[in-house]
Amino acid sequence: MRQTQILMCLITLLSAAICAFTAGAQEPQHPCRQIRAACEAAGFVHGKGKEGYGLSRDCIRPITLGTAQRPKATKPLPQVETQLIAACKAANPNFGQKKHQHS
């Protein structure tokens, strides 16, 4: 009985160690996703542009284009490193820009 308990404890510890190791070994998040996550963490929401805190219009676009927020914006932009913005632009030059509709 005691050996079974010790074995179960060792298996549990080994499983936890493997989970911790693989979590630390994950690939870094895509730079554009990091910008989006920073905007979401700052309270910007998809589809809320009319209210002044739209995800793309009021946060992603000003950050990626390097422009000021529009006057109607109600939340301040999060701090995003310039290297992250450059990496996002290199990976996806159109990230955050309006999608053009074809007629």
PDB file of N, CA and C in Angstrom:
ATOM      1  N   MET A   1       0.823  -1.184   0.000  1.00  0.00           N
ATOM      2  CA  MET A   1       0.000   0.000   0.000  1.00  0.00           C
ATOM      3  C   MET A   1       0.872   1.256   0.000  1.00  0.00           C
ATOM      4  N   ARG A   2       1.876   1.292   0.859  1.00  0.00           N
ATOM      5  CA  ARG A   2       2.763   2.452   0.964  1.00  0.00           C
ATOM      6  C   ARG A   2       3.547   2.637  -0.338  1.00  0.00           C
ATOM      7  N   GLN A   3       3.974   1.549  -0.952  1.00  0.00           N
ATOM      8  CA  GLN A   3       4.711   1.632  -2.203  1.00  0.00           C
ATOM      9  C   GLN A   3       3.838   2.213  -3.309  1.00  0.00           C
ATOM     10  N   THR A   4       2.581   1.855  -3.321  1.00  0.00           N
ATOM     11  CA  THR A   4       1.642   2.380  -4.312  1.00  0.00           C
ATOM     12  C   THR A   4       1.482   3.887  -4.138  1.00  0.00           C
ATOM     13  N   GLN A   5       1.380   4.350  -2.893  1.00  0.00           N
ATOM     14  CA  GLN A   5       1.243   5.778  -2.632  1.00  0.00           C
ATOM     15  C   GLN A   5       2.490   6.542  -3.083  1.00  0.00           C
ATOM     16  N   ILE A   6       3.655   5.971  -2.798  1.00  0.00           N
ATOM     17  CA  ILE A   6       4.903   6.614  -3.202  1.00  0.00           C
ATOM     18  C   ILE A   6       4.995   6.664  -4.723  1.00  0.00           C
ATOM     19  N   LEU A   7       4.628   5.586  -5.377  1.00  0.00           N
ATOM     20  CA  LEU A   7       4.656   5.525  -6.829  1.00  0.00           C
ATOM     21  C   LEU A   7       3.698   6.559  -7.433  1.00  0.00           C
ATOM     22  N   MET A   8       2.515   6.673  -6.890  1.00  0.00           N
ATOM     23  CA  MET A   8       1.530   7.654  -7.389  1.00  0.00           C
ATOM     24  C   MET A   8       2.047   9.082  -7.190  1.00  0.00           C
ATOM     25  N   CYS A   9       2.683   9.329  -6.062  1.00  0.00           N
ATOM     26  CA  CYS A   9       3.250  10.639  -5.786  1.00  0.00           C
ATOM     27  C   CYS A   9       4.350  10.974  -6.793  1.00  0.00           C
ATOM     28  N   LEU A  10       5.208  10.014  -7.085  1.00  0.00           N
ATOM     29  CA  LEU A  10       6.277  10.229  -8.055  1.00  0.00           C
ATOM     30  C   LEU A  10       5.727  10.487  -9.458  1.00  0.00           C
ATOM     31  N   ILE A  11       4.703   9.749  -9.833  1.00  0.00           N
ATOM     32  CA  ILE A  11       4.077   9.946 -11.142  1.00  0.00           C
ATOM     33  C   ILE A  11       3.473  11.346 -11.234  1.00  0.00           C
ATOM     34  N   THR A  12       2.821  11.775 -10.160  1.00  0.00           N
ATOM     35  CA  THR A  12       2.225  13.104 -10.140  1.00  0.00           C
ATOM     36  C   THR A  12       3.295  14.190 -10.265  1.00  0.00           C
ATOM     37  N   LEU A  13       4.376  14.062  -9.513  1.00  0.00           N
ATOM     38  CA  LEU A  13       5.461  15.029  -9.582  1.00  0.00           C
ATOM     39  C   LEU A  13       6.110  15.053 -10.965  1.00  0.00           C
ATOM     40  N   LEU A  14       6.316  13.886 -11.546  1.00  0.00           N
ATOM     41  CA  LEU A  14       6.905  13.802 -12.871  1.00  0.00           C
ATOM     42  C   LEU A  14       5.984  14.456 -13.913  1.00  0.00           C
ATOM     43  N   SER A  15       4.698  14.214 -13.808  1.00  0.00           N
ATOM     44  CA  SER A  15       3.733  14.828 -14.731  1.00  0.00           C
ATOM     45  C   SER A  15       3.759  16.345 -14.611  1.00  0.00           C
ATOM     46  N   ALA A  16       3.810  16.847 -13.380  1.00  0.00           N
ATOM     47  CA  ALA A  16       3.862  18.295 -13.162  1.00  0.00           C
ATOM     48  C   ALA A  16       5.134  18.890 -13.751  1.00  0.00           C
ATOM     49  N   ALA A  17       6.248  18.202 -13.594  1.00  0.00           N
ATOM     50  CA  ALA A  17       7.520  18.687 -14.128  1.00  0.00           C
ATOM     51  C   ALA A  17       7.486  18.728 -15.651  1.00  0.00           C
ATOM     52  N   ILE A  18       6.917  17.710 -16.264  1.00  0.00           N
ATOM     53  CA  ILE A  18       6.811  17.665 -17.723  1.00  0.00           C
ATOM     54  C   ILE A  18       5.923  18.805 -18.216  1.00  0.00           C
ATOM     55  N   CYS A  19       4.808  19.046 -17.561  1.00  0.00           N
ATOM     56  CA  CYS A  19       3.908  20.137 -17.941  1.00  0.00           C
ATOM     57  C   CYS A  19       4.608  21.487 -17.823  1.00  0.00           C
ATOM     58  N   ALA A  20       5.341  21.698 -16.748  1.00  0.00           N
ATOM     59  CA  ALA A  20       6.050  22.960 -16.549  1.00  0.00           C
ATOM     60  C   ALA A  20       7.119  23.152 -17.619  1.00  0.00           C
ATOM     61  N   PHE A  21       7.829  22.080 -17.955  1.00  0.00           N
ATOM     62  CA  PHE A  21       8.876  22.166 -18.968  1.00  0.00           C
ATOM     63  C   PHE A  21       8.291  22.482 -20.335  1.00  0.00           C
ATOM     64  N   THR A  22       7.229  21.805 -20.730  1.00  0.00           N
ATOM     65  CA  THR A  22       6.644  22.044 -22.050  1.00  0.00           C
ATOM     66  C   THR A  22       5.974  23.401 -22.123  1.00  0.00           C
ATOM     67  N   ALA A  23       5.431  23.905 -21.028  1.00  0.00           N
ATOM     68  CA  ALA A  23       4.824  25.234 -21.040  1.00  0.00           C
ATOM     69  C   ALA A  23       5.893  26.295 -21.258  1.00  0.00           C
ATOM     70  N   GLY A  24       7.059  26.106 -20.668  1.00  0.00           N
ATOM     71  CA  GLY A  24       8.146  27.056 -20.841  1.00  0.00           C
ATOM     72  C   GLY A  24       8.793  26.960 -22.206  1.00  0.00           C
ATOM     73  N   ALA A  25       8.617  25.861 -22.888  1.00  0.00           N
ATOM     74  CA  ALA A  25       9.256  25.647 -24.180  1.00  0.00           C
ATOM     75  C   ALA A  25       8.362  26.032 -25.359  1.00  0.00           C
ATOM     76  N   GLN A  26       7.208  26.606 -25.089  1.00  0.00           N
ATOM     77  CA  GLN A  26       6.313  26.977 -26.170  1.00  0.00           C
ATOM     78  C   GLN A  26       6.931  28.103 -26.997  1.00  0.00           C
ATOM     79  N   GLU A  27       6.554  28.167 -28.261  1.00  0.00           N
ATOM     80  CA  GLU A  27       7.039  29.218 -29.129  1.00  0.00           C
ATOM     81  C   GLU A  27       6.483  30.555 -28.672  1.00  0.00           C
ATOM     82  N   PRO A  28       7.248  31.641 -28.880  1.00  0.00           N
ATOM     83  CA  PRO A  28       6.710  32.950 -28.518  1.00  0.00           C
ATOM     84  C   PRO A  28       5.503  33.285 -29.388  1.00  0.00           C
ATOM     85  N   GLN A  29       4.607  34.056 -28.826  1.00  0.00           N
ATOM     86  CA  GLN A  29       3.388  34.422 -29.538  1.00  0.00           C
ATOM     87  C   GLN A  29       3.739  35.349 -30.710  1.00  0.00           C
ATOM     88  N   HIS A  30       3.024  35.221 -31.804  1.00  0.00           N
ATOM     89  CA  HIS A  30       3.211  36.046 -32.987  1.00  0.00           C
ATOM     90  C   HIS A  30       3.155  37.522 -32.576  1.00  0.00           C
ATOM     91  N   PRO A  31       4.017  38.381 -33.117  1.00  0.00           N
ATOM     92  CA  PRO A  31       4.052  39.775 -32.681  1.00  0.00           C
ATOM     93  C   PRO A  31       2.727  40.516 -32.869  1.00  0.00           C
ATOM     94  N   CYS A  32       2.009  40.249 -33.952  1.00  0.00           N
ATOM     95  CA  CYS A  32       0.720  40.924 -34.155  1.00  0.00           C
ATOM     96  C   CYS A  32      -0.306  40.462 -33.115  1.00  0.00           C
ATOM     97  N   ARG A  33      -0.242  39.192 -32.726  1.00  0.00           N
ATOM     98  CA  ARG A  33      -1.141  38.702 -31.673  1.00  0.00           C
ATOM     99  C   ARG A  33      -0.809  39.353 -30.335  1.00  0.00           C
ATOM    100  N   GLN A  34       0.474  39.636 -30.115  1.00  0.00           N
ATOM    101  CA  GLN A  34       0.868  40.304 -28.880  1.00  0.00           C
ATOM    102  C   GLN A  34       0.307  41.723 -28.824  1.00  0.00           C
ATOM    103  N   ILE A  35       0.308  42.415 -29.961  1.00  0.00           N
ATOM    104  CA  ILE A  35      -0.272  43.761 -30.014  1.00  0.00           C
ATOM    105  C   ILE A  35      -1.766  43.685 -29.756  1.00  0.00           C
ATOM    106  N   ARG A  36      -2.428  42.748 -30.405  1.00  0.00           N
ATOM    107  CA  ARG A  36      -3.866  42.567 -30.200  1.00  0.00           C
ATOM    108  C   ARG A  36      -4.163  42.261 -28.727  1.00  0.00           C
ATOM    109  N   ALA A  37      -3.370  41.387 -28.126  1.00  0.00           N
ATOM    110  CA  ALA A  37      -3.571  41.025 -26.717  1.00  0.00           C
ATOM    111  C   ALA A  37      -3.372  42.239 -25.806  1.00  0.00           C
ATOM    112  N   ALA A  38      -2.387  43.083 -26.126  1.00  0.00           N
ATOM    113  CA  ALA A  38      -2.156  44.290 -25.326  1.00  0.00           C
ATOM    114  C   ALA A  38      -3.358  45.229 -25.418  1.00  0.00           C
ATOM    115  N   CYS A  39      -3.923  45.346 -26.609  1.00  0.00           N
ATOM    116  CA  CYS A  39      -5.111  46.190 -26.790  1.00  0.00           C
ATOM    117  C   CYS A  39      -6.305  45.626 -26.021  1.00  0.00           C
ATOM    118  N   GLU A  40      -6.500  44.318 -26.102  1.00  0.00           N
ATOM    119  CA  GLU A  40      -7.608  43.696 -25.380  1.00  0.00           C
ATOM    120  C   GLU A  40      -7.427  43.843 -23.876  1.00  0.00           C
ATOM    121  N   ALA A  41      -6.202  43.700 -23.398  1.00  0.00           N
ATOM    122  CA  ALA A  41      -5.933  43.850 -21.968  1.00  0.00           C
ATOM    123  C   ALA A  41      -6.185  45.286 -21.498  1.00  0.00           C
ATOM    124  N   ALA A  42      -6.021  46.249 -22.420  1.00  0.00           N
ATOM    125  CA  ALA A  42      -6.254  47.658 -22.089  1.00  0.00           C
ATOM    126  C   ALA A  42      -7.737  48.025 -22.162  1.00  0.00           C
ATOM    127  N   GLY A  43      -8.584  47.059 -22.559  1.00  0.00           N
ATOM    128  CA  GLY A  43     -10.023  47.294 -22.562  1.00  0.00           C
ATOM    129  C   GLY A  43     -10.649  47.577 -23.911  1.00  0.00           C
ATOM    130  N   PHE A  44      -9.886  47.459 -24.984  1.00  0.00           N
ATOM    131  CA  PHE A  44     -10.450  47.664 -26.322  1.00  0.00           C
ATOM    132  C   PHE A  44     -11.170  46.389 -26.759  1.00  0.00           C
ATOM    133  N   VAL A  45     -12.314  46.582 -27.449  1.00  0.00           N
ATOM    134  CA  VAL A  45     -13.174  45.455 -27.786  1.00  0.00           C
ATOM    135  C   VAL A  45     -13.567  45.530 -29.259  1.00  0.00           C
ATOM    136  N   HIS A  46     -13.548  44.389 -29.932  1.00  0.00           N
ATOM    137  CA  HIS A  46     -13.988  44.307 -31.330  1.00  0.00           C
ATOM    138  C   HIS A  46     -15.441  44.777 -31.438  1.00  0.00           C
ATOM    139  N   GLY A  47     -15.703  45.650 -32.392  1.00  0.00           N
ATOM    140  CA  GLY A  47     -17.064  46.107 -32.651  1.00  0.00           C
ATOM    141  C   GLY A  47     -17.517  47.281 -31.786  1.00  0.00           C
ATOM    142  N   LYS A  48     -16.628  47.865 -31.019  1.00  0.00           N
ATOM    143  CA  LYS A  48     -17.016  48.978 -30.147  1.00  0.00           C
ATOM    144  C   LYS A  48     -16.428  50.312 -30.613  1.00  0.00           C
ATOM    145  N   GLY A  49     -16.180  50.438 -31.910  1.00  0.00           N
ATOM    146  CA  GLY A  49     -15.634  51.675 -32.457  1.00  0.00           C
ATOM    147  C   GLY A  49     -16.550  52.867 -32.277  1.00  0.00           C
ATOM    148  N   LYS A  50     -17.843  52.656 -32.388  1.00  0.00           N
ATOM    149  CA  LYS A  50     -18.782  53.766 -32.209  1.00  0.00           C
ATOM    150  C   LYS A  50     -18.738  54.314 -30.795  1.00  0.00           C
ATOM    151  N   GLU A  51     -18.415  53.447 -29.837  1.00  0.00           N
ATOM    152  CA  GLU A  51     -18.352  53.856 -28.439  1.00  0.00           C
ATOM    153  C   GLU A  51     -16.996  54.472 -28.079  1.00  0.00           C
ATOM    154  N   GLY A  52     -16.008  54.348 -28.994  1.00  0.00           N
ATOM    155  CA  GLY A  52     -14.712  54.962 -28.757  1.00  0.00           C
ATOM    156  C   GLY A  52     -13.648  54.031 -28.210  1.00  0.00           C
ATOM    157  N   TYR A  53     -13.941  52.729 -28.143  1.00  0.00           N
ATOM    158  CA  TYR A  53     -12.912  51.790 -27.681  1.00  0.00           C
ATOM    159  C   TYR A  53     -12.890  50.539 -28.546  1.00  0.00           C
ATOM    160  N   GLY A  54     -12.962  50.765 -29.855  1.00  0.00           N
ATOM    161  CA  GLY A  54     -12.904  49.662 -30.815  1.00  0.00           C
ATOM    162  C   GLY A  54     -11.505  49.075 -30.899  1.00  0.00           C
ATOM    163  N   LEU A  55     -11.425  47.780 -31.001  1.00  0.00           N
ATOM    164  CA  LEU A  55     -10.145  47.067 -31.002  1.00  0.00           C
ATOM    165  C   LEU A  55      -9.250  47.534 -32.147  1.00  0.00           C
ATOM    166  N   SER A  56      -9.743  47.470 -33.365  1.00  0.00           N
ATOM    167  CA  SER A  56      -8.914  47.858 -34.509  1.00  0.00           C
ATOM    168  C   SER A  56      -8.827  49.370 -34.658  1.00  0.00           C
ATOM    169  N   ARG A  57      -9.956  50.013 -34.709  1.00  0.00           N
ATOM    170  CA  ARG A  57     -10.034  51.440 -35.000  1.00  0.00           C
ATOM    171  C   ARG A  57      -9.321  52.302 -33.955  1.00  0.00           C
ATOM    172  N   ASP A  58      -9.490  51.987 -32.702  1.00  0.00           N
ATOM    173  CA  ASP A  58      -8.994  52.848 -31.639  1.00  0.00           C
ATOM    174  C   ASP A  58      -7.696  52.379 -30.988  1.00  0.00           C
ATOM    175  N   CYS A  59      -7.244  51.166 -31.319  1.00  0.00           N
ATOM    176  CA  CYS A  59      -6.017  50.674 -30.693  1.00  0.00           C
ATOM    177  C   CYS A  59      -5.021  50.104 -31.696  1.00  0.00           C
ATOM    178  N   ILE A  60      -5.384  49.029 -32.378  1.00  0.00           N
ATOM    179  CA  ILE A  60      -4.432  48.366 -33.267  1.00  0.00           C
ATOM    180  C   ILE A  60      -3.966  49.301 -34.381  1.00  0.00           C
ATOM    181  N   ARG A  61      -4.894  49.972 -35.034  1.00  0.00           N
ATOM    182  CA  ARG A  61      -4.530  50.827 -36.172  1.00  0.00           C
ATOM    183  C   ARG A  61      -3.594  51.970 -35.749  1.00  0.00           C
ATOM    184  N   PRO A  62      -3.909  52.730 -34.694  1.00  0.00           N
ATOM    185  CA  PRO A  62      -2.966  53.799 -34.309  1.00  0.00           C
ATOM    186  C   PRO A  62      -1.581  53.269 -33.910  1.00  0.00           C
ATOM    187  N   ILE A  63      -1.550  52.112 -33.268  1.00  0.00           N
ATOM    188  CA  ILE A  63      -0.255  51.543 -32.866  1.00  0.00           C
ATOM    189  C   ILE A  63       0.541  51.125 -34.096  1.00  0.00           C
ATOM    190  N   THR A  64      -0.061  50.367 -34.995  1.00  0.00           N
ATOM    191  CA  THR A  64       0.700  49.836 -36.132  1.00  0.00           C
ATOM    192  C   THR A  64       1.025  50.903 -37.173  1.00  0.00           C
ATOM    193  N   LEU A  65       0.183  51.917 -37.285  1.00  0.00           N
ATOM    194  CA  LEU A  65       0.454  52.980 -38.256  1.00  0.00           C
ATOM    195  C   LEU A  65       1.266  54.119 -37.644  1.00  0.00           C
ATOM    196  N   GLY A  66       1.427  54.124 -36.330  1.00  0.00           N
ATOM    197  CA  GLY A  66       2.182  55.178 -35.664  1.00  0.00           C
ATOM    198  C   GLY A  66       1.480  56.515 -35.672  1.00  0.00           C
ATOM    199  N   THR A  67       0.157  56.484 -35.625  1.00  0.00           N
ATOM    200  CA  THR A  67      -0.621  57.723 -35.636  1.00  0.00           C
ATOM    201  C   THR A  67      -1.253  57.963 -34.265  1.00  0.00           C
ATOM    202  N   ALA A  68      -1.749  59.163 -34.089  1.00  0.00           N
ATOM    203  CA  ALA A  68      -2.463  59.490 -32.858  1.00  0.00           C
ATOM    204  C   ALA A  68      -3.843  58.831 -32.896  1.00  0.00           C
ATOM    205  N   GLN A  69      -4.410  58.630 -31.729  1.00  0.00           N
ATOM    206  CA  GLN A  69      -5.772  58.104 -31.671  1.00  0.00           C
ATOM    207  C   GLN A  69      -6.735  59.160 -32.181  1.00  0.00           C
ATOM    208  N   ARG A  70      -7.866  58.712 -32.639  1.00  0.00           N
ATOM    209  CA  ARG A  70      -8.886  59.661 -33.073  1.00  0.00           C
ATOM    210  C   ARG A  70      -9.475  60.337 -31.833  1.00  0.00           C
ATOM    211  N   PRO A  71     -10.012  61.529 -31.982  1.00  0.00           N
ATOM    212  CA  PRO A  71     -10.533  62.267 -30.819  1.00  0.00           C
ATOM    213  C   PRO A  71     -11.626  61.519 -30.058  1.00  0.00           C
ATOM    214  N   LYS A  72     -12.372  60.659 -30.729  1.00  0.00           N
ATOM    215  CA  LYS A  72     -13.474  59.953 -30.079  1.00  0.00           C
ATOM    216  C   LYS A  72     -13.009  58.784 -29.213  1.00  0.00           C
ATOM    217  N   ALA A  73     -11.743  58.404 -29.305  1.00  0.00           N
ATOM    218  CA  ALA A  73     -11.225  57.277 -28.517  1.00  0.00           C
ATOM    219  C   ALA A  73     -11.375  57.588 -27.028  1.00  0.00           C
ATOM    220  N   THR A  74     -11.833  56.587 -26.276  1.00  0.00           N
ATOM    221  CA  THR A  74     -12.114  56.798 -24.850  1.00  0.00           C
ATOM    222  C   THR A  74     -11.117  56.132 -23.920  1.00  0.00           C
ATOM    223  N   LYS A  75     -10.201  55.339 -24.463  1.00  0.00           N
ATOM    224  CA  LYS A  75      -9.205  54.643 -23.637  1.00  0.00           C
ATOM    225  C   LYS A  75      -7.814  54.975 -24.162  1.00  0.00           C
ATOM    226  N   PRO A  76      -6.839  55.091 -23.271  1.00  0.00           N
ATOM    227  CA  PRO A  76      -5.471  55.337 -23.736  1.00  0.00           C
ATOM    228  C   PRO A  76      -4.864  54.086 -24.364  1.00  0.00           C
ATOM    229  N   LEU A  77      -3.948  54.301 -25.282  1.00  0.00           N
ATOM    230  CA  LEU A  77      -3.261  53.171 -25.914  1.00  0.00           C
ATOM    231  C   LEU A  77      -2.330  52.498 -24.917  1.00  0.00           C
ATOM    232  N   PRO A  78      -2.208  51.173 -25.011  1.00  0.00           N
ATOM    233  CA  PRO A  78      -1.229  50.485 -24.161  1.00  0.00           C
ATOM    234  C   PRO A  78       0.184  50.767 -24.670  1.00  0.00           C
ATOM    235  N   GLN A  79       1.151  50.604 -23.807  1.00  0.00           N
ATOM    236  CA  GLN A  79       2.547  50.753 -24.205  1.00  0.00           C
ATOM    237  C   GLN A  79       2.972  49.495 -24.963  1.00  0.00           C
ATOM    238  N   VAL A  80       3.473  49.679 -26.174  1.00  0.00           N
ATOM    239  CA  VAL A  80       3.935  48.559 -26.998  1.00  0.00           C
ATOM    240  C   VAL A  80       5.326  48.911 -27.499  1.00  0.00           C
ATOM    241  N   GLU A  81       6.263  48.002 -27.354  1.00  0.00           N
ATOM    242  CA  GLU A  81       7.642  48.242 -27.776  1.00  0.00           C
ATOM    243  C   GLU A  81       7.725  48.416 -29.289  1.00  0.00           C
ATOM    244  N   THR A  82       8.582  49.339 -29.716  1.00  0.00           N
ATOM    245  CA  THR A  82       8.734  49.606 -31.142  1.00  0.00           C
ATOM    246  C   THR A  82       9.249  48.372 -31.897  1.00  0.00           C
ATOM    247  N   GLN A  83      10.066  47.542 -31.226  1.00  0.00           N
ATOM    248  CA  GLN A  83      10.571  46.325 -31.880  1.00  0.00           C
ATOM    249  C   GLN A  83       9.429  45.366 -32.177  1.00  0.00           C
ATOM    250  N   LEU A  84       8.436  45.314 -31.285  1.00  0.00           N
ATOM    251  CA  LEU A  84       7.283  44.443 -31.490  1.00  0.00           C
ATOM    252  C   LEU A  84       6.453  44.938 -32.670  1.00  0.00           C
ATOM    253  N   ILE A  85       6.279  46.248 -32.767  1.00  0.00           N
ATOM    254  CA  ILE A  85       5.528  46.830 -33.890  1.00  0.00           C
ATOM    255  C   ILE A  85       6.251  46.535 -35.198  1.00  0.00           C
ATOM    256  N   ALA A  86       7.562  46.704 -35.215  1.00  0.00           N
ATOM    257  CA  ALA A  86       8.342  46.428 -36.423  1.00  0.00           C
ATOM    258  C   ALA A  86       8.258  44.958 -36.810  1.00  0.00           C
ATOM    259  N   ALA A  87       8.312  44.076 -35.821  1.00  0.00           N
ATOM    260  CA  ALA A  87       8.211  42.636 -36.106  1.00  0.00           C
ATOM    261  C   ALA A  87       6.839  42.290 -36.662  1.00  0.00           C
ATOM    262  N   CYS A  88       5.806  42.916 -36.135  1.00  0.00           N
ATOM    263  CA  CYS A  88       4.452  42.682 -36.640  1.00  0.00           C
ATOM    264  C   CYS A  88       4.330  43.159 -38.085  1.00  0.00           C
ATOM    265  N   LYS A  89       4.841  44.361 -38.355  1.00  0.00           N
ATOM    266  CA  LYS A  89       4.778  44.898 -39.726  1.00  0.00           C
ATOM    267  C   LYS A  89       5.537  44.013 -40.703  1.00  0.00           C
ATOM    268  N   ALA A  90       6.672  43.473 -40.257  1.00  0.00           N
ATOM    269  CA  ALA A  90       7.456  42.594 -41.129  1.00  0.00           C
ATOM    270  C   ALA A  90       6.698  41.296 -41.412  1.00  0.00           C
ATOM    271  N   ALA A  91       6.001  40.786 -40.408  1.00  0.00           N
ATOM    272  CA  ALA A  91       5.263  39.531 -40.565  1.00  0.00           C
ATOM    273  C   ALA A  91       3.960  39.721 -41.322  1.00  0.00           C
ATOM    274  N   ASN A  92       3.309  40.869 -41.109  1.00  0.00           N
ATOM    275  CA  ASN A  92       2.003  41.117 -41.718  1.00  0.00           C
ATOM    276  C   ASN A  92       1.851  42.618 -41.957  1.00  0.00           C
ATOM    277  N   PRO A  93       2.316  43.125 -43.108  1.00  0.00           N
ATOM    278  CA  PRO A  93       2.293  44.564 -43.373  1.00  0.00           C
ATOM    279  C   PRO A  93       0.899  45.195 -43.340  1.00  0.00           C
ATOM    280  N   ASN A  94      -0.139  44.409 -43.541  1.00  0.00           N
ATOM    281  CA  ASN A  94      -1.499  44.949 -43.571  1.00  0.00           C
ATOM    282  C   ASN A  94      -2.246  44.800 -42.249  1.00  0.00           C
ATOM    283  N   PHE A  95      -1.587  44.334 -41.208  1.00  0.00           N
ATOM    284  CA  PHE A  95      -2.256  44.110 -39.935  1.00  0.00           C
ATOM    285  C   PHE A  95      -2.816  45.416 -39.393  1.00  0.00           C
ATOM    286  N   GLY A  96      -4.105  45.396 -39.066  1.00  0.00           N
ATOM    287  CA  GLY A  96      -4.771  46.554 -38.473  1.00  0.00           C
ATOM    288  C   GLY A  96      -5.329  47.541 -39.468  1.00  0.00           C
ATOM    289  N   GLN A  97      -5.001  47.389 -40.723  1.00  0.00           N
ATOM    290  CA  GLN A  97      -5.503  48.325 -41.729  1.00  0.00           C
ATOM    291  C   GLN A  97      -6.902  47.938 -42.146  1.00  0.00           C
ATOM    292  N   LYS A  98      -7.631  48.930 -42.645  1.00  0.00           N
ATOM    293  CA  LYS A  98      -8.991  48.671 -43.114  1.00  0.00           C
ATOM    294  C   LYS A  98      -8.929  47.708 -44.287  1.00  0.00           C
ATOM    295  N   LYS A  99      -9.908  46.832 -44.345  1.00  0.00           N
ATOM    296  CA  LYS A  99     -10.029  45.923 -45.473  1.00  0.00           C
ATOM    297  C   LYS A  99     -10.800  46.674 -46.565  1.00  0.00           C
ATOM    298  N   HIS A 100     -10.224  46.703 -47.758  1.00  0.00           N
ATOM    299  CA  HIS A 100     -10.882  47.393 -48.859  1.00  0.00           C
ATOM    300  C   HIS A 100     -11.940  46.510 -49.479  1.00  0.00           C
ATOM    301  N   GLN A 101     -13.100  47.093 -49.701  1.00  0.00           N
ATOM    302  CA  GLN A 101     -14.189  46.348 -50.334  1.00  0.00           C
ATOM    303  C   GLN A 101     -14.128  46.562 -51.836  1.00  0.00           C
ATOM    304  N   HIS A 102     -14.277  45.495 -52.549  1.00  0.00           N
ATOM    305  CA  HIS A 102     -14.251  45.567 -54.013  1.00  0.00           C
ATOM    306  C   HIS A 102     -15.677  45.668 -54.517  1.00  0.00           C
ATOM    307  N   SER A 103     -15.884  46.548 -55.517  1.00  0.00           N
ATOM    308  CA  SER A 103     -17.231  46.666 -56.069  1.00  0.00           C
ATOM    309  C   SER A 103     -17.378  45.992 -57.392  1.00  0.00           C
TER     310      SER A 103
END
